Amino acid sequence: KRAVRYAVEKDRSGSVTINRAGDYEAEYGIAPLKDIAGKTRHMPDEFINTEGNNVTDEFIKYLKPLLGSDFRSGGEKFSALKEK
């Protein structure tokens, strides 16, 4: 939704960014593609459980502010990701 809003309403191109603004807040922005391309961030090892088949509580804590109030943990579907 943010990408479409930036493209249509603000007539800007680039990559939509999500930046942590506090423990439970995120700010959205737009960055030129040259500043984003080729700079993939990989998930830290501490976000993957010992068995290698799930995520840790640290990951849930990190992810929750990025997904917002619709976030559900414990194997439930993330309603924020459902197509509306």
Protein backbone atom coordinates (compact mmCIF):
# COMPACT_ATOMS: atom_id res chain seq x y z
CA LYS A 1 0.00 0.00 0.00
CA ARG A 2 2.78 2.44 0.85
CA ALA A 3 4.57 1.84 -2.44
CA VAL A 4 1.41 2.56 -4.42
CA ARG A 5 0.69 5.66 -2.34
CA TYR A 6 4.19 7.04 -2.94
CA ALA A 7 3.99 6.31 -6.67
CA VAL A 8 0.51 7.71 -7.23
CA GLU A 9 0.12 10.53 -4.75
CA LYS A 10 3.69 11.78 -4.56
CA ASP A 11 4.87 10.82 -8.06
CA ARG A 12 8.12 9.43 -6.70
CA SER A 13 10.13 6.38 -7.62
CA GLY A 14 12.45 4.33 -5.46
CA SER A 15 12.17 1.67 -2.81
CA VAL A 16 9.85 2.04 0.16
CA THR A 17 11.80 1.72 3.40
CA ILE A 18 10.63 0.77 6.87
CA ASN A 19 12.75 2.17 9.66
CA ARG A 20 12.41 1.44 13.35
CA ALA A 21 11.39 4.61 15.20
CA GLY A 22 11.13 3.09 18.68
CA ASP A 23 10.32 -0.21 20.29
CA TYR A 24 6.85 -0.41 18.76
CA GLU A 25 6.87 2.20 16.01
CA ALA A 26 8.00 2.29 12.41
CA GLU A 27 8.50 5.16 9.98
CA TYR A 28 8.13 4.78 6.23
CA GLY A 29 10.20 6.56 3.65
CA ILE A 30 11.43 6.23 0.11
CA ALA A 31 15.03 5.78 -0.96
CA PRO A 32 16.66 5.86 -4.39
CA LEU A 33 17.17 2.36 -5.79
CA LYS A 34 20.93 2.96 -6.04
CA ASP A 35 20.99 3.23 -2.22
CA ILE A 36 19.14 -0.08 -1.78
CA ALA A 37 20.18 -2.44 -4.59
CA GLY A 38 22.80 -5.00 -3.66
CA LYS A 39 22.60 -4.31 0.08
CA THR A 40 20.61 -7.31 1.24
CA ARG A 41 20.49 -7.81 5.00
CA HIS A 42 20.43 -11.41 6.14
CA MET A 43 18.57 -12.64 9.19
CA PRO A 44 20.91 -12.90 12.20
CA ASP A 45 21.53 -16.42 13.52
CA GLU A 46 20.00 -15.52 16.89
CA PHE A 47 16.62 -15.14 15.15
CA ILE A 48 16.59 -18.86 14.20
CA ASN A 49 15.97 -21.52 16.86
CA THR A 50 18.49 -24.25 17.69
CA GLU A 51 16.67 -26.83 15.57
CA GLY A 52 16.78 -24.48 12.58
CA ASN A 53 13.07 -24.88 11.84
CA ASN A 54 11.49 -21.84 13.51
CA VAL A 55 12.17 -18.35 14.78
CA THR A 56 13.06 -17.24 18.29
CA ASP A 57 11.28 -14.88 20.66
CA GLU A 58 13.95 -12.29 19.77
CA PHE A 59 12.75 -12.37 16.16
CA ILE A 60 9.10 -11.99 17.22
CA LYS A 61 10.11 -8.98 19.35
CA TYR A 62 11.95 -7.48 16.36
CA LEU A 63 9.18 -8.17 13.86
CA LYS A 64 6.12 -7.08 15.85
CA PRO A 65 6.53 -3.29 15.40
CA LEU A 66 7.12 -3.74 11.69
CA LEU A 67 3.86 -5.65 11.19
CA GLY A 68 1.74 -3.48 13.44
CA SER A 69 -1.19 -4.25 15.67
CA ASP A 70 -2.55 -7.07 13.48
CA PHE A 71 0.49 -9.21 14.34
CA ARG A 72 -0.27 -12.66 15.75
CA SER A 73 2.33 -15.07 17.09
CA GLY A 74 2.18 -18.70 18.18
CA GLY A 75 1.59 -20.20 14.74
CA GLU A 76 -1.48 -18.11 13.97
CA LYS A 77 -1.76 -16.47 10.58
CA PHE A 78 -0.73 -12.84 10.39
CA SER A 79 -3.90 -10.95 9.59
CA ALA A 80 -1.79 -8.00 8.46
CA LEU A 81 -0.54 -10.14 5.59
CA LYS A 82 -3.93 -11.41 4.49
CA GLU A 83 -5.13 -10.15 1.15
CA LYS A 84 -8.13 -7.89 1.61
